[in-house]
């Protein structure tokens, strides 16, 4: 299994708005992607920092979600609430509990 971490800095006072975008728009879109296995959204309402963790069945599925334009489509949804461009990292899941 593979994980993509996207770290964002949300504008002050916009964490709830960002959470709603994730819940009602990103999650349904992710569930339609081949190989998507689940995910998490972590946020700190005090600092505005957010981390999205998306789990993928294979590395190819994860990469395909980026080359297909899916990932960029999701990031664009947050344009009005982000204070800076997001950063993206990839990991192989070593242990899952």
Protein backbone atom coordinates (compact mmCIF):
# COMPACT_ATOMS: atom_id res chain seq x y z
CA UNK A 1 0.00 0.00 0.00
CA UNK A 2 1.12 3.57 -0.70
CA UNK A 3 0.31 6.95 0.83
CA UNK A 4 0.32 10.46 -0.53
CA UNK A 5 0.64 13.25 2.04
CA UNK A 6 -0.44 16.72 1.05
CA UNK A 7 0.42 19.43 3.56
CA UNK A 8 -1.36 22.78 3.38
CA UNK A 9 -1.47 26.09 5.21
CA UNK A 10 -5.06 27.29 5.46
CA UNK A 11 -5.92 30.95 5.79
CA UNK A 12 -6.87 32.13 9.27
CA UNK A 13 -10.53 31.42 10.02
CA UNK A 14 -11.01 29.13 7.01
CA UNK A 15 -10.31 25.68 8.52
CA UNK A 16 -14.04 24.81 8.71
CA UNK A 17 -14.51 25.82 5.07
CA UNK A 18 -11.53 23.69 4.01
CA UNK A 19 -12.85 20.74 6.02
CA UNK A 20 -16.23 21.01 4.30
CA UNK A 21 -14.60 21.08 0.85
CA UNK A 22 -12.67 17.93 1.75
CA UNK A 23 -15.68 16.13 3.23
CA UNK A 24 -18.27 16.97 0.58
CA UNK A 25 -16.18 17.24 -2.58
CA UNK A 26 -12.78 15.57 -2.26
CA UNK A 27 -13.91 12.41 -0.47
CA UNK A 28 -16.61 11.49 -3.03
CA UNK A 29 -14.17 12.15 -5.90
CA UNK A 30 -11.46 10.04 -4.23
CA UNK A 31 -13.84 7.15 -3.75
CA UNK A 32 -14.25 7.00 -7.54
CA UNK A 33 -10.51 6.61 -8.17
CA UNK A 34 -9.04 3.21 -9.02
CA UNK A 35 -7.03 1.82 -6.14
CA UNK A 36 -8.14 4.37 -3.54
CA UNK A 37 -8.23 2.65 -0.15
CA UNK A 38 -9.15 5.48 2.24
CA UNK A 39 -7.69 8.52 3.84
CA UNK A 40 -7.48 11.02 6.63
CA UNK A 41 -7.63 14.78 7.02
CA UNK A 42 -5.68 16.17 9.94
CA UNK A 43 -6.03 19.83 10.88
CA UNK A 44 -4.91 22.24 13.55
CA UNK A 45 -7.51 24.98 13.89
CA UNK A 46 -5.06 27.10 15.91
CA UNK A 47 -2.33 27.23 13.26
CA UNK A 48 -4.31 26.47 10.08
CA UNK A 49 -1.98 23.62 9.16
CA UNK A 50 -3.64 20.67 7.44
CA UNK A 51 -2.43 17.28 6.26
CA UNK A 52 -4.31 14.98 3.92
CA UNK A 53 -3.25 11.33 3.82
CA UNK A 54 -4.63 9.31 0.91
CA UNK A 55 -4.01 5.56 0.83
CA UNK A 56 -3.61 3.72 -2.46
CA UNK A 57 -3.54 0.01 -3.27
CA UNK A 58 -0.52 0.30 -5.57
CA UNK A 59 2.10 2.87 -6.44
CA UNK A 60 0.80 2.86 -10.01
CA UNK A 61 -2.72 3.76 -8.78
CA UNK A 62 -1.31 6.62 -6.74
CA UNK A 63 0.74 7.93 -9.67
CA UNK A 64 -2.20 7.55 -12.07
CA UNK A 65 -4.31 9.77 -9.81
CA UNK A 66 -1.72 12.49 -10.36
CA UNK A 67 -1.05 12.09 -14.08
CA UNK A 68 -4.79 11.92 -14.85
CA UNK A 69 -5.33 15.42 -13.46
CA UNK A 70 -7.38 14.16 -10.50
CA UNK A 71 -5.00 15.51 -7.84
CA UNK A 72 -4.76 18.96 -9.44
CA UNK A 73 -8.57 19.11 -9.71
CA UNK A 74 -8.81 18.52 -5.97
CA UNK A 75 -6.16 21.09 -5.09
CA UNK A 76 -7.90 23.76 -7.19
CA UNK A 77 -11.00 23.33 -5.00
CA UNK A 78 -9.03 24.85 -2.11
CA UNK A 79 -7.67 27.90 -3.96
CA UNK A 80 -9.82 30.37 -2.01
CA UNK A 81 -8.80 29.01 1.43
CA UNK A 82 -5.07 28.26 1.11
CA UNK A 83 -2.42 30.68 2.35
CA UNK A 84 0.39 28.99 0.36
CA UNK A 85 0.79 26.27 -2.28
CA UNK A 86 0.53 22.71 -0.91
CA UNK A 87 3.44 20.31 -0.68
CA UNK A 88 3.13 16.68 -1.69
CA UNK A 89 5.08 13.65 -0.50
CA UNK A 90 4.87 9.93 -1.27
CA UNK A 91 5.46 6.98 1.04
CA UNK A 92 5.21 3.24 1.02
CA UNK A 93 3.10 2.06 3.96
CA UNK A 94 5.43 -0.04 6.10
CA UNK A 95 2.92 -1.01 8.81
CA UNK A 96 -0.84 -0.65 8.96
CA UNK A 97 -2.70 -1.25 12.21
